[in-house]
Amino acid sequence: MAAPGIRSKTRDPRPHTRLAGMLKIIFRDPMSLLTPAQRGQLLANQLEASRPAYSVLLLMGSALLVLLAGLEVMGWVPGIGYPPALTALGALGLSSFSVATLRVQNNGVLAATLLVYGGGLASLMSLPLDPDTIPPEFRTALFDLFPVAALALTVRRTAVLMIVGLLAIVAVLRIAVYPNPESGLAV
């Protein structure tokens, strides 16, 4: 017999009941334990904490575009149809979005800002003007890393869905507009 005040833990002899309980705990939304006011405050705090990281990430994406434009001018990397000057100008325009993410307070406007930035970055980095041009693998891989890095900064499910949706749209555009790669490294 256990000492007074100490509960003894009994095991349920049915393993499926224990498994169901563990799965319920794993898949439970932690936000459901909070009141609506606490949820709103937590999301606002997370958004404010991640805002500088988003801004730096957007600025680095723009810097990468400027670097690619410079390497194209020197002939060290192949272009994808955009003149290097247009790529650099687009990068400067996109860098303004990094400043906007620091100033915008509305979540919807912030999401739209990130979506426009991601679409612009995808166009200049991995979607050639000429459908007969297959973008170099390193270039498409560089773009594909951007949304993956941004996923780590998302605090709302809608932001995650937006970034995943952007990747899906870019992938479908690549398949629909550009020739299919033969095999191997091109895939």
C-alpha atoms as a PDB file:
ATOM      1  CA  MET A   1       0.000   0.000   0.000  1.00  0.00           C
ATOM      2  CA  ALA A   2       1.242   3.445  -0.872  1.00  0.00           C
ATOM      3  CA  ALA A   3       1.896   6.074   1.756  1.00  0.00           C
ATOM      4  CA  PRO A   4      -0.969   8.464   2.487  1.00  0.00           C
ATOM      5  CA  GLY A   5      -1.085  11.368   0.032  1.00  0.00           C
ATOM      6  CA  ILE A   6       0.825   9.497  -2.684  1.00  0.00           C
ATOM      7  CA  ARG A   7      -1.165   8.170  -5.575  1.00  0.00           C
ATOM      8  CA  SER A   8      -0.101   4.972  -7.175  1.00  0.00           C
ATOM      9  CA  LYS A   9      -0.154   4.964 -10.943  1.00  0.00           C
ATOM     10  CA  THR A  10      -2.121   2.139 -12.464  1.00  0.00           C
ATOM     11  CA  ARG A  11      -1.505   1.044 -15.992  1.00  0.00           C
ATOM     12  CA  ASP A  12      -4.347   0.485 -18.354  1.00  0.00           C
ATOM     13  CA  PRO A  13      -3.984  -3.085 -19.574  1.00  0.00           C
ATOM     14  CA  ARG A  14      -5.239  -2.116 -23.052  1.00  0.00           C
ATOM     15  CA  PRO A  15      -2.276  -0.753 -25.092  1.00  0.00           C
ATOM     16  CA  HIS A  16      -4.516   0.834 -27.723  1.00  0.00           C
ATOM     17  CA  THR A  17      -6.038   3.080 -25.054  1.00  0.00           C
ATOM     18  CA  ARG A  18      -2.591   4.298 -24.014  1.00  0.00           C
ATOM     19  CA  LEU A  19      -1.599   4.861 -27.641  1.00  0.00           C
ATOM     20  CA  ALA A  20      -4.793   6.813 -28.307  1.00  0.00           C
ATOM     21  CA  GLY A  21      -4.096   8.963 -25.241  1.00  0.00           C
ATOM     22  CA  MET A  22      -0.519   9.668 -26.343  1.00  0.00           C
ATOM     23  CA  LEU A  23      -1.639  10.580 -29.864  1.00  0.00           C
ATOM     24  CA  LYS A  24      -4.299  12.895 -28.444  1.00  0.00           C
ATOM     25  CA  ILE A  25      -1.637  14.707 -26.406  1.00  0.00           C
ATOM     26  CA  ILE A  26       0.755  14.924 -29.373  1.00  0.00           C
ATOM     27  CA  PHE A  27      -1.810  16.311 -31.813  1.00  0.00           C
ATOM     28  CA  ARG A  28      -3.570  18.623 -29.371  1.00  0.00           C
ATOM     29  CA  ASP A  29      -3.282  22.245 -30.364  1.00  0.00           C
ATOM     30  CA  PRO A  30      -1.324  23.942 -27.570  1.00  0.00           C
ATOM     31  CA  MET A  31      -3.176  27.170 -28.316  1.00  0.00           C
ATOM     32  CA  SER A  32      -6.450  25.509 -27.261  1.00  0.00           C
ATOM     33  CA  LEU A  33      -5.245  25.669 -23.658  1.00  0.00           C
ATOM     34  CA  LEU A  34      -5.183  29.477 -23.795  1.00  0.00           C
ATOM     35  CA  THR A  35      -8.021  31.942 -23.555  1.00  0.00           C
ATOM     36  CA  PRO A  36      -8.763  34.013 -26.677  1.00  0.00           C
ATOM     37  CA  ALA A  37      -7.103  37.060 -25.082  1.00  0.00           C
ATOM     38  CA  GLN A  38      -3.987  35.040 -24.213  1.00  0.00           C
ATOM     39  CA  ARG A  39      -3.899  33.612 -27.754  1.00  0.00           C
ATOM     40  CA  GLY A  40      -4.082  37.075 -29.278  1.00  0.00           C
ATOM     41  CA  GLN A  41      -1.340  38.377 -26.994  1.00  0.00           C
ATOM     42  CA  LEU A  42       0.906  35.370 -27.704  1.00  0.00           C
ATOM     43  CA  LEU A  43       0.510  35.760 -31.474  1.00  0.00           C
ATOM     44  CA  ALA A  44       1.201  39.488 -31.249  1.00  0.00           C
ATOM     45  CA  ASN A  45       4.349  38.831 -29.199  1.00  0.00           C
ATOM     46  CA  GLN A  46       5.537  36.124 -31.606  1.00  0.00           C
ATOM     47  CA  LEU A  47       4.932  38.389 -34.582  1.00  0.00           C
ATOM     48  CA  GLU A  48       6.902  41.223 -33.009  1.00  0.00           C
ATOM     49  CA  ALA A  49       9.735  38.869 -32.027  1.00  0.00           C
ATOM     50  CA  SER A  50       9.991  37.377 -35.529  1.00  0.00           C
ATOM     51  CA  ARG A  51       9.636  40.683 -37.403  1.00  0.00           C
ATOM     52  CA  PRO A  52      13.383  41.550 -37.384  1.00  0.00           C
ATOM     53  CA  ALA A  53      14.257  38.043 -38.568  1.00  0.00           C
ATOM     54  CA  TYR A  54      11.786  38.329 -41.469  1.00  0.00           C
ATOM     55  CA  SER A  55      13.229  41.696 -42.377  1.00  0.00           C
ATOM     56  CA  VAL A  56      16.800  40.394 -42.434  1.00  0.00           C
ATOM     57  CA  LEU A  57      15.736  37.326 -44.431  1.00  0.00           C
ATOM     58  CA  LEU A  58      14.075  39.520 -47.066  1.00  0.00           C
ATOM     59  CA  LEU A  59      17.100  41.799 -47.187  1.00  0.00           C
ATOM     60  CA  MET A  60      19.417  38.798 -47.676  1.00  0.00           C
ATOM     61  CA  GLY A  61      17.245  37.497 -50.519  1.00  0.00           C
ATOM     62  CA  SER A  62      17.560  40.878 -52.233  1.00  0.00           C
ATOM     63  CA  ALA A  63      21.322  40.931 -51.635  1.00  0.00           C
ATOM     64  CA  LEU A  64      21.540  37.483 -53.216  1.00  0.00           C
ATOM     65  CA  LEU A  65      19.796  38.818 -56.329  1.00  0.00           C
ATOM     66  CA  VAL A  66      22.261  41.718 -56.558  1.00  0.00           C
ATOM     67  CA  LEU A  67      25.119  39.233 -56.217  1.00  0.00           C
ATOM     68  CA  LEU A  68      23.668  37.055 -58.995  1.00  0.00           C
ATOM     69  CA  ALA A  69      23.316  40.110 -61.241  1.00  0.00           C
ATOM     70  CA  GLY A  70      26.957  41.015 -60.598  1.00  0.00           C
ATOM     71  CA  LEU A  71      28.118  37.468 -61.323  1.00  0.00           C
ATOM     72  CA  GLU A  72      26.083  37.479 -64.561  1.00  0.00           C
ATOM     73  CA  VAL A  73      27.737  40.735 -65.674  1.00  0.00           C
ATOM     74  CA  MET A  74      31.164  39.173 -65.077  1.00  0.00           C
ATOM     75  CA  GLY A  75      30.068  36.071 -67.010  1.00  0.00           C
ATOM     76  CA  TRP A  76      30.656  33.719 -64.084  1.00  0.00           C
ATOM     77  CA  VAL A  77      27.076  32.426 -63.882  1.00  0.00           C
ATOM     78  CA  PRO A  78      24.490  31.958 -66.623  1.00  0.00           C
ATOM     79  CA  GLY A  79      21.521  34.282 -66.709  1.00  0.00           C
ATOM     80  CA  ILE A  80      17.900  33.304 -67.187  1.00  0.00           C
ATOM     81  CA  GLY A  81      16.842  35.966 -69.637  1.00  0.00           C
ATOM     82  CA  TYR A  82      16.530  39.017 -67.425  1.00  0.00           C
ATOM     83  CA  PRO A  83      19.122  41.724 -68.054  1.00  0.00           C
ATOM     84  CA  PRO A  84      21.424  41.970 -65.026  1.00  0.00           C
ATOM     85  CA  ALA A  85      20.438  45.624 -64.586  1.00  0.00           C
ATOM     86  CA  LEU A  86      16.753  44.621 -64.337  1.00  0.00           C
ATOM     87  CA  THR A  87      17.640  41.910 -61.809  1.00  0.00           C
ATOM     88  CA  ALA A  88      19.582  44.415 -59.684  1.00  0.00           C
ATOM     89  CA  LEU A  89      16.798  47.004 -59.970  1.00  0.00           C
ATOM     90  CA  GLY A  90      14.235  44.368 -59.014  1.00  0.00           C
ATOM     91  CA  ALA A  91      16.389  43.399 -56.043  1.00  0.00           C
ATOM     92  CA  LEU A  92      16.466  47.000 -54.857  1.00  0.00           C
ATOM     93  CA  GLY A  93      12.696  47.213 -55.233  1.00  0.00           C
ATOM     94  CA  LEU A  94      12.256  43.978 -53.319  1.00  0.00           C
ATOM     95  CA  SER A  95      14.574  45.189 -50.567  1.00  0.00           C
ATOM     96  CA  SER A  96      12.007  47.882 -49.793  1.00  0.00           C
ATOM     97  CA  PHE A  97       9.770  45.057 -48.586  1.00  0.00           C
ATOM     98  CA  SER A  98      12.255  44.341 -45.797  1.00  0.00           C
ATOM     99  CA  VAL A  99      11.658  47.864 -44.504  1.00  0.00           C
ATOM    100  CA  ALA A 100       7.904  47.448 -44.968  1.00  0.00           C
ATOM    101  CA  THR A 101       7.863  44.327 -42.777  1.00  0.00           C
ATOM    102  CA  LEU A 102       9.291  46.397 -39.930  1.00  0.00           C
ATOM    103  CA  ARG A 103       6.601  49.052 -40.267  1.00  0.00           C
ATOM    104  CA  VAL A 104       3.410  47.177 -41.224  1.00  0.00           C
ATOM    105  CA  GLN A 105       1.151  46.361 -38.262  1.00  0.00           C
ATOM    106  CA  ASN A 106      -1.767  44.647 -40.013  1.00  0.00           C
ATOM    107  CA  ASN A 107      -1.276  40.876 -40.357  1.00  0.00           C
ATOM    108  CA  GLY A 108      -3.128  40.726 -43.677  1.00  0.00           C
ATOM    109  CA  VAL A 109      -1.005  43.478 -45.206  1.00  0.00           C
ATOM    110  CA  LEU A 110       2.143  41.802 -43.851  1.00  0.00           C
ATOM    111  CA  ALA A 111       1.116  38.485 -45.421  1.00  0.00           C
ATOM    112  CA  ALA A 112       0.430  40.222 -48.747  1.00  0.00           C
ATOM    113  CA  THR A 113       3.834  41.935 -48.526  1.00  0.00           C
ATOM    114  CA  LEU A 114       5.565  38.601 -48.005  1.00  0.00           C
ATOM    115  CA  LEU A 115       3.580  36.997 -50.840  1.00  0.00           C
ATOM    116  CA  VAL A 116       4.466  39.759 -53.330  1.00  0.00           C
ATOM    117  CA  TYR A 117       8.103  39.604 -52.247  1.00  0.00           C
ATOM    118  CA  GLY A 118       8.188  35.820 -52.653  1.00  0.00           C
ATOM    119  CA  GLY A 119       6.594  36.024 -56.100  1.00  0.00           C
ATOM    120  CA  GLY A 120       9.035  38.708 -57.213  1.00  0.00           C
ATOM    121  CA  LEU A 121      11.998  36.758 -55.888  1.00  0.00           C
ATOM    122  CA  ALA A 122      10.758  33.597 -57.604  1.00  0.00           C
ATOM    123  CA  SER A 123      10.382  35.426 -60.916  1.00  0.00           C
ATOM    124  CA  LEU A 124      13.803  37.047 -60.886  1.00  0.00           C
ATOM    125  CA  MET A 125      15.647  34.061 -59.491  1.00  0.00           C
ATOM    126  CA  SER A 126      14.100  30.935 -60.953  1.00  0.00           C
ATOM    127  CA  LEU A 127      11.501  31.681 -63.644  1.00  0.00           C
ATOM    128  CA  PRO A 128      13.222  32.563 -66.954  1.00  0.00           C
ATOM    129  CA  LEU A 129      11.634  34.950 -69.436  1.00  0.00           C
ATOM    130  CA  ASP A 130      12.171  32.519 -72.305  1.00  0.00           C
ATOM    131  CA  PRO A 131      10.360  29.178 -71.865  1.00  0.00           C
ATOM    132  CA  ASP A 132      13.160  27.450 -73.813  1.00  0.00           C
ATOM    133  CA  THR A 133      15.687  28.442 -71.146  1.00  0.00           C
ATOM    134  CA  ILE A 134      16.058  25.914 -68.385  1.00  0.00           C
ATOM    135  CA  PRO A 135      17.104  27.774 -65.245  1.00  0.00           C
ATOM    136  CA  PRO A 136      20.380  26.515 -63.784  1.00  0.00           C
ATOM    137  CA  GLU A 137      19.883  24.123 -60.891  1.00  0.00           C
ATOM    138  CA  PHE A 138      21.836  26.274 -58.445  1.00  0.00           C
ATOM    139  CA  ARG A 139      19.556  29.218 -59.165  1.00  0.00           C
ATOM    140  CA  THR A 140      16.309  27.347 -58.595  1.00  0.00           C
ATOM    141  CA  ALA A 141      17.813  25.722 -55.504  1.00  0.00           C
ATOM    142  CA  LEU A 142      18.682  29.151 -54.108  1.00  0.00           C
ATOM    143  CA  PHE A 143      15.073  30.257 -54.485  1.00  0.00           C
ATOM    144  CA  ASP A 144      13.723  27.015 -53.041  1.00  0.00           C
ATOM    145  CA  LEU A 145      15.781  27.612 -49.896  1.00  0.00           C
ATOM    146  CA  PHE A 146      14.183  31.005 -49.269  1.00  0.00           C
ATOM    147  CA  PRO A 147      10.674  29.771 -48.357  1.00  0.00           C
ATOM    148  CA  VAL A 148      12.177  26.909 -46.358  1.00  0.00           C
ATOM    149  CA  ALA A 149      14.112  29.449 -44.284  1.00  0.00           C
ATOM    150  CA  ALA A 150      10.982  31.567 -43.927  1.00  0.00           C
ATOM    151  CA  LEU A 151       8.988  28.593 -42.620  1.00  0.00           C
ATOM    152  CA  ALA A 152      11.099  28.623 -39.476  1.00  0.00           C
ATOM    153  CA  LEU A 153       9.969  32.200 -38.807  1.00  0.00           C
ATOM    154  CA  THR A 154       6.242  31.730 -39.250  1.00  0.00           C
ATOM    155  CA  VAL A 155       4.049  31.942 -36.185  1.00  0.00           C
ATOM    156  CA  ARG A 156       0.646  31.606 -37.798  1.00  0.00           C
ATOM    157  CA  ARG A 157      -0.754  28.681 -39.714  1.00  0.00           C
ATOM    158  CA  THR A 158      -1.962  30.979 -42.480  1.00  0.00           C
ATOM    159  CA  ALA A 159       1.615  32.182 -43.017  1.00  0.00           C
ATOM    160  CA  VAL A 160       2.832  28.595 -43.294  1.00  0.00           C
ATOM    161  CA  LEU A 161       0.053  27.787 -45.779  1.00  0.00           C
ATOM    162  CA  MET A 162       0.875  30.945 -47.757  1.00  0.00           C
ATOM    163  CA  ILE A 163       4.546  30.024 -48.105  1.00  0.00           C
ATOM    164  CA  VAL A 164       3.759  26.399 -48.967  1.00  0.00           C
ATOM    165  CA  GLY A 165       1.207  27.682 -51.491  1.00  0.00           C
ATOM    166  CA  LEU A 166       3.809  29.992 -53.045  1.00  0.00           C
ATOM    167  CA  LEU A 167       6.211  27.065 -53.452  1.00  0.00           C
ATOM    168  CA  ALA A 168       3.440  24.972 -55.012  1.00  0.00           C
ATOM    169  CA  ILE A 169       2.497  27.753 -57.455  1.00  0.00           C
ATOM    170  CA  VAL A 170       6.126  28.247 -58.512  1.00  0.00           C
ATOM    171  CA  ALA A 171       6.546  24.480 -58.969  1.00  0.00           C
ATOM    172  CA  VAL A 172       3.391  24.260 -61.105  1.00  0.00           C
ATOM    173  CA  LEU A 173       4.525  27.271 -63.177  1.00  0.00           C
ATOM    174  CA  ARG A 174       7.892  25.656 -63.777  1.00  0.00           C
ATOM    175  CA  ILE A 175       6.238  22.434 -64.924  1.00  0.00           C
ATOM    176  CA  ALA A 176       3.593  24.154 -67.067  1.00  0.00           C
ATOM    177  CA  VAL A 177       5.711  26.803 -68.778  1.00  0.00           C
ATOM    178  CA  TYR A 178       9.175  25.339 -69.080  1.00  0.00           C
ATOM    179  CA  PRO A 179      10.301  22.146 -70.766  1.00  0.00           C
ATOM    180  CA  ASN A 180      10.479  19.092 -68.591  1.00  0.00           C
ATOM    181  CA  PRO A 181      14.019  18.109 -67.636  1.00  0.00           C
ATOM    182  CA  GLU A 182      15.246  14.851 -69.111  1.00  0.00           C
ATOM    183  CA  SER A 183      16.542  13.110 -66.016  1.00  0.00           C
ATOM    184  CA  GLY A 184      19.385  12.919 -63.567  1.00  0.00           C
ATOM    185  CA  LEU A 185      20.921  16.114 -62.266  1.00  0.00           C
ATOM    186  CA  ALA A 186      18.416  18.321 -64.122  1.00  0.00           C
ATOM    187  CA  VAL A 187      15.565  16.817 -62.080  1.00  0.00           C
END
